[in-house]
Amino acid sequence: MSKRILFIPDSLWGDKSGHRSSEYLIKAFDMMGVEVAVYASYENYTKERRNKIKSLNCIYYKQSEYNYKQHLNDKKIKKEFLKVVEDFLPD
């Protein structure tokens, strides 16, 4: 049985080094037989990026955009995160 990892990158979309590192890590996990789910920002999500996620052989979960109000009332973001964890069931 393979391991399951929920990956939450700081950034995923674009050409900067952090984006490329995230992509490389997902590929490396896949090559090791690790099932990966990515919980990342939906901002700037396009058809091209959807195809990229498919090509990386991982599951994508939409993450709400950061808002300073989350520091004052984090119930919504916690609920969103726990829903992802309950759905994917990472190790």
N, C-alpha and C. Protein backbone atom coordinates (compact mmCIF):
# COMPACT_ATOMS: atom_id res chain seq x y z
N MET A 1 0.84 -1.19 0.00
CA MET A 1 0.00 0.00 0.00
C MET A 1 0.88 1.25 0.00
N SER A 2 0.57 2.17 -0.88
CA SER A 2 1.39 3.37 -0.98
C SER A 2 1.02 4.39 0.10
N LYS A 3 1.96 5.26 0.37
CA LYS A 3 1.73 6.35 1.31
C LYS A 3 0.91 7.43 0.63
N ARG A 4 0.24 8.22 1.45
CA ARG A 4 -0.58 9.32 0.95
C ARG A 4 -0.12 10.60 1.64
N ILE A 5 0.23 11.59 0.85
CA ILE A 5 0.73 12.86 1.38
C ILE A 5 -0.15 14.01 0.89
N LEU A 6 -0.53 14.87 1.81
CA LEU A 6 -1.22 16.11 1.47
C LEU A 6 -0.17 17.21 1.43
N PHE A 7 0.06 17.75 0.26
CA PHE A 7 1.09 18.77 0.05
C PHE A 7 0.42 20.14 -0.03
N ILE A 8 0.90 21.07 0.79
CA ILE A 8 0.34 22.42 0.83
C ILE A 8 1.46 23.40 0.51
N PRO A 9 1.68 23.69 -0.77
CA PRO A 9 2.78 24.57 -1.16
C PRO A 9 2.46 26.04 -0.93
N ASP A 10 3.50 26.82 -0.71
CA ASP A 10 3.33 28.28 -0.64
C ASP A 10 2.88 28.81 -1.98
N SER A 11 3.41 28.20 -3.03
CA SER A 11 3.04 28.61 -4.38
C SER A 11 3.11 27.39 -5.30
N LEU A 12 2.30 27.43 -6.33
CA LEU A 12 2.27 26.31 -7.25
C LEU A 12 2.25 26.75 -8.71
N TRP A 13 1.66 27.89 -8.98
CA TRP A 13 1.48 28.33 -10.36
C TRP A 13 2.55 29.34 -10.75
N GLY A 14 3.20 29.13 -11.88
CA GLY A 14 4.14 30.11 -12.40
C GLY A 14 5.49 29.54 -12.74
N ASP A 15 6.43 30.41 -13.03
CA ASP A 15 7.76 30.01 -13.48
C ASP A 15 8.86 30.30 -12.47
N LYS A 16 8.53 30.80 -11.31
CA LYS A 16 9.56 31.12 -10.31
C LYS A 16 10.08 29.84 -9.66
N SER A 17 11.19 29.93 -8.97
CA SER A 17 11.83 28.73 -8.43
C SER A 17 10.94 27.98 -7.44
N GLY A 18 10.18 28.69 -6.64
CA GLY A 18 9.28 28.03 -5.69
C GLY A 18 8.22 27.20 -6.39
N HIS A 19 7.72 27.72 -7.50
CA HIS A 19 6.72 27.00 -8.28
C HIS A 19 7.34 25.74 -8.88
N ARG A 20 8.52 25.88 -9.43
CA ARG A 20 9.20 24.73 -10.04
C ARG A 20 9.57 23.70 -8.97
N SER A 21 9.98 24.15 -7.80
CA SER A 21 10.31 23.22 -6.72
C SER A 21 9.09 22.42 -6.28
N SER A 22 7.95 23.07 -6.19
CA SER A 22 6.71 22.37 -5.83
C SER A 22 6.38 21.31 -6.87
N GLU A 23 6.48 21.67 -8.11
CA GLU A 23 6.20 20.73 -9.20
C GLU A 23 7.18 19.55 -9.15
N TYR A 24 8.46 19.84 -8.94
CA TYR A 24 9.47 18.79 -8.87
C TYR A 24 9.18 17.83 -7.71
N LEU A 25 8.79 18.37 -6.56
CA LEU A 25 8.50 17.55 -5.40
C LEU A 25 7.32 16.62 -5.67
N ILE A 26 6.29 17.12 -6.30
CA ILE A 26 5.13 16.29 -6.65
C ILE A 26 5.56 15.16 -7.57
N LYS A 27 6.39 15.47 -8.56
CA LYS A 27 6.88 14.45 -9.49
C LYS A 27 7.74 13.42 -8.75
N ALA A 28 8.59 13.87 -7.84
CA ALA A 28 9.46 12.96 -7.10
C ALA A 28 8.63 12.00 -6.24
N PHE A 29 7.63 12.53 -5.55
CA PHE A 29 6.76 11.67 -4.75
C PHE A 29 6.06 10.64 -5.64
N ASP A 30 5.58 11.08 -6.79
CA ASP A 30 4.90 10.17 -7.71
C ASP A 30 5.85 9.05 -8.16
N MET A 31 7.08 9.40 -8.47
CA MET A 31 8.07 8.41 -8.90
C MET A 31 8.36 7.39 -7.78
N MET A 32 8.18 7.81 -6.54
CA MET A 32 8.41 6.92 -5.40
C MET A 32 7.16 6.11 -5.05
N GLY A 33 6.09 6.32 -5.80
CA GLY A 33 4.86 5.60 -5.54
C GLY A 33 4.00 6.19 -4.46
N VAL A 34 4.25 7.44 -4.12
CA VAL A 34 3.48 8.13 -3.09
C VAL A 34 2.29 8.83 -3.75
N GLU A 35 1.11 8.62 -3.20
CA GLU A 35 -0.07 9.30 -3.72
C GLU A 35 -0.11 10.70 -3.12
N VAL A 36 -0.22 11.70 -3.98
CA VAL A 36 -0.14 13.10 -3.55
C VAL A 36 -1.44 13.83 -3.84
N ALA A 37 -1.89 14.59 -2.86
CA ALA A 37 -2.96 15.56 -3.06
C ALA A 37 -2.37 16.93 -2.78
N VAL A 38 -2.78 17.89 -3.58
CA VAL A 38 -2.27 19.25 -3.44
C VAL A 38 -3.43 20.16 -3.01
N TYR A 39 -3.20 20.88 -1.93
CA TYR A 39 -4.18 21.84 -1.41
C TYR A 39 -3.55 23.21 -1.66
N ALA A 40 -4.00 23.86 -2.72
CA ALA A 40 -3.32 25.09 -3.16
C ALA A 40 -4.33 26.13 -3.64
N SER A 41 -3.83 27.32 -3.73
CA SER A 41 -4.62 28.47 -4.16
C SER A 41 -5.28 28.23 -5.52
N TYR A 42 -6.51 28.72 -5.63
CA TYR A 42 -7.25 28.64 -6.88
C TYR A 42 -7.01 29.89 -7.73
N GLU A 43 -6.35 30.87 -7.15
CA GLU A 43 -6.07 32.12 -7.86
C GLU A 43 -5.26 31.82 -9.11
N ASN A 44 -5.66 32.40 -10.21
CA ASN A 44 -5.01 32.23 -11.51
C ASN A 44 -5.09 30.79 -12.03
N TYR A 45 -6.08 30.03 -11.58
CA TYR A 45 -6.27 28.66 -12.05
C TYR A 45 -6.86 28.72 -13.46
N THR A 46 -6.23 28.06 -14.38
CA THR A 46 -6.64 28.08 -15.78
C THR A 46 -6.75 26.65 -16.31
N LYS A 47 -7.24 26.51 -17.53
CA LYS A 47 -7.31 25.21 -18.18
C LYS A 47 -5.90 24.61 -18.29
N GLU A 48 -4.94 25.43 -18.61
CA GLU A 48 -3.55 24.97 -18.71
C GLU A 48 -3.06 24.41 -17.36
N ARG A 49 -3.40 25.08 -16.29
CA ARG A 49 -2.98 24.63 -14.96
C ARG A 49 -3.74 23.37 -14.55
N ARG A 50 -5.00 23.27 -14.94
CA ARG A 50 -5.76 22.04 -14.68
C ARG A 50 -5.08 20.87 -15.39
N ASN A 51 -4.66 21.09 -16.63
CA ASN A 51 -3.96 20.04 -17.37
C ASN A 51 -2.62 19.70 -16.72
N LYS A 52 -1.95 20.70 -16.16
CA LYS A 52 -0.68 20.47 -15.47
C LYS A 52 -0.90 19.57 -14.26
N ILE A 53 -1.94 19.85 -13.47
CA ILE A 53 -2.26 19.02 -12.31
C ILE A 53 -2.51 17.58 -12.75
N LYS A 54 -3.26 17.41 -13.83
CA LYS A 54 -3.53 16.07 -14.34
C LYS A 54 -2.24 15.37 -14.74
N SER A 55 -1.34 16.12 -15.38
CA SER A 55 -0.08 15.52 -15.84
C SER A 55 0.83 15.14 -14.67
N LEU A 56 0.64 15.79 -13.51
CA LEU A 56 1.45 15.49 -12.33
C LEU A 56 0.91 14.29 -11.55
N ASN A 57 -0.21 13.75 -12.01
CA ASN A 57 -0.78 12.56 -11.39
C ASN A 57 -1.08 12.78 -9.91
N CYS A 58 -1.75 13.88 -9.60
CA CYS A 58 -2.11 14.16 -8.21
C CYS A 58 -3.54 14.68 -8.16
N ILE A 59 -4.06 14.75 -6.97
CA ILE A 59 -5.41 15.26 -6.73
C ILE A 59 -5.27 16.72 -6.30
N TYR A 60 -6.15 17.57 -6.79
CA TYR A 60 -6.09 18.99 -6.45
C TYR A 60 -7.29 19.38 -5.60
N TYR A 61 -7.01 20.07 -4.50
CA TYR A 61 -8.05 20.66 -3.66
C TYR A 61 -7.88 22.17 -3.67
N LYS A 62 -8.97 22.84 -3.93
CA LYS A 62 -8.99 24.31 -3.98
C LYS A 62 -8.85 24.89 -2.57
N GLN A 63 -7.90 25.79 -2.41
CA GLN A 63 -7.68 26.47 -1.13
C GLN A 63 -8.22 27.89 -1.22
N SER A 64 -9.00 28.31 -0.23
CA SER A 64 -9.50 29.68 -0.20
C SER A 64 -8.34 30.65 -0.17
N GLU A 65 -8.56 31.79 -0.77
CA GLU A 65 -7.53 32.82 -0.77
C GLU A 65 -7.34 33.39 0.62
N TYR A 66 -6.11 33.73 0.93
CA TYR A 66 -5.78 34.30 2.24
C TYR A 66 -6.48 35.64 2.42
N ASN A 67 -6.97 35.84 3.64
CA ASN A 67 -7.59 37.10 4.01
C ASN A 67 -7.21 37.37 5.47
N TYR A 68 -6.83 38.58 5.77
CA TYR A 68 -6.40 38.89 7.13
C TYR A 68 -7.48 38.57 8.16
N LYS A 69 -8.75 38.56 7.75
CA LYS A 69 -9.85 38.26 8.67
C LYS A 69 -9.76 36.83 9.20
N GLN A 70 -9.03 35.97 8.51
CA GLN A 70 -8.87 34.60 8.96
C GLN A 70 -8.14 34.53 10.31
N HIS A 71 -7.37 35.55 10.61
CA HIS A 71 -6.69 35.59 11.91
C HIS A 71 -7.67 35.87 13.05
N LEU A 72 -8.74 36.55 12.73
CA LEU A 72 -9.74 36.90 13.74
C LEU A 72 -10.81 35.82 13.88
N ASN A 73 -11.16 35.21 12.76
CA ASN A 73 -12.18 34.17 12.76
C ASN A 73 -11.74 33.09 11.77
N ASP A 74 -11.14 32.04 12.28
CA ASP A 74 -10.56 31.02 11.41
C ASP A 74 -11.45 29.79 11.24
N LYS A 75 -12.68 29.86 11.68
CA LYS A 75 -13.56 28.68 11.62
C LYS A 75 -13.77 28.18 10.19
N LYS A 76 -13.99 29.09 9.26
CA LYS A 76 -14.26 28.70 7.87
C LYS A 76 -13.04 28.01 7.25
N ILE A 77 -11.87 28.56 7.45
CA ILE A 77 -10.66 27.99 6.85
C ILE A 77 -10.30 26.66 7.51
N LYS A 78 -10.52 26.55 8.81
CA LYS A 78 -10.28 25.27 9.51
C LYS A 78 -11.23 24.20 8.99
N LYS A 79 -12.48 24.57 8.81
CA LYS A 79 -13.48 23.63 8.30
C LYS A 79 -13.09 23.16 6.90
N GLU A 80 -12.65 24.09 6.07
CA GLU A 80 -12.22 23.75 4.71
C GLU A 80 -11.05 22.76 4.75
N PHE A 81 -10.06 23.06 5.58
CA PHE A 81 -8.89 22.19 5.68
C PHE A 81 -9.27 20.80 6.19
N LEU A 82 -10.07 20.73 7.24
CA LEU A 82 -10.47 19.44 7.79
C LEU A 82 -11.28 18.62 6.79
N LYS A 83 -12.06 19.29 5.96
CA LYS A 83 -12.81 18.60 4.91
C LYS A 83 -11.85 17.95 3.91
N VAL A 84 -10.79 18.65 3.55
CA VAL A 84 -9.78 18.10 2.65
C VAL A 84 -9.11 16.88 3.28
N VAL A 85 -8.71 17.01 4.53
CA VAL A 85 -8.06 15.90 5.24
C VAL A 85 -8.99 14.70 5.33
N GLU A 86 -10.24 14.93 5.67
CA GLU A 86 -11.21 13.83 5.78
C GLU A 86 -11.48 13.17 4.44
N ASP A 87 -11.45 13.95 3.37
CA ASP A 87 -11.69 13.39 2.04
C ASP A 87 -10.50 12.59 1.53
N PHE A 88 -9.30 13.12 1.69
CA PHE A 88 -8.11 12.47 1.15
C PHE A 88 -7.51 11.42 2.09
N LEU A 89 -7.61 11.64 3.37
CA LEU A 89 -7.06 10.74 4.39
C LEU A 89 -5.56 10.48 4.21
N PRO A 90 -4.75 11.54 4.34
CA PRO A 90 -3.30 11.35 4.22
C PRO A 90 -2.74 10.53 5.39
N ASP A 91 -1.57 9.93 5.18
CA ASP A 91 -0.89 9.19 6.26
C ASP A 91 -0.27 10.14 7.25
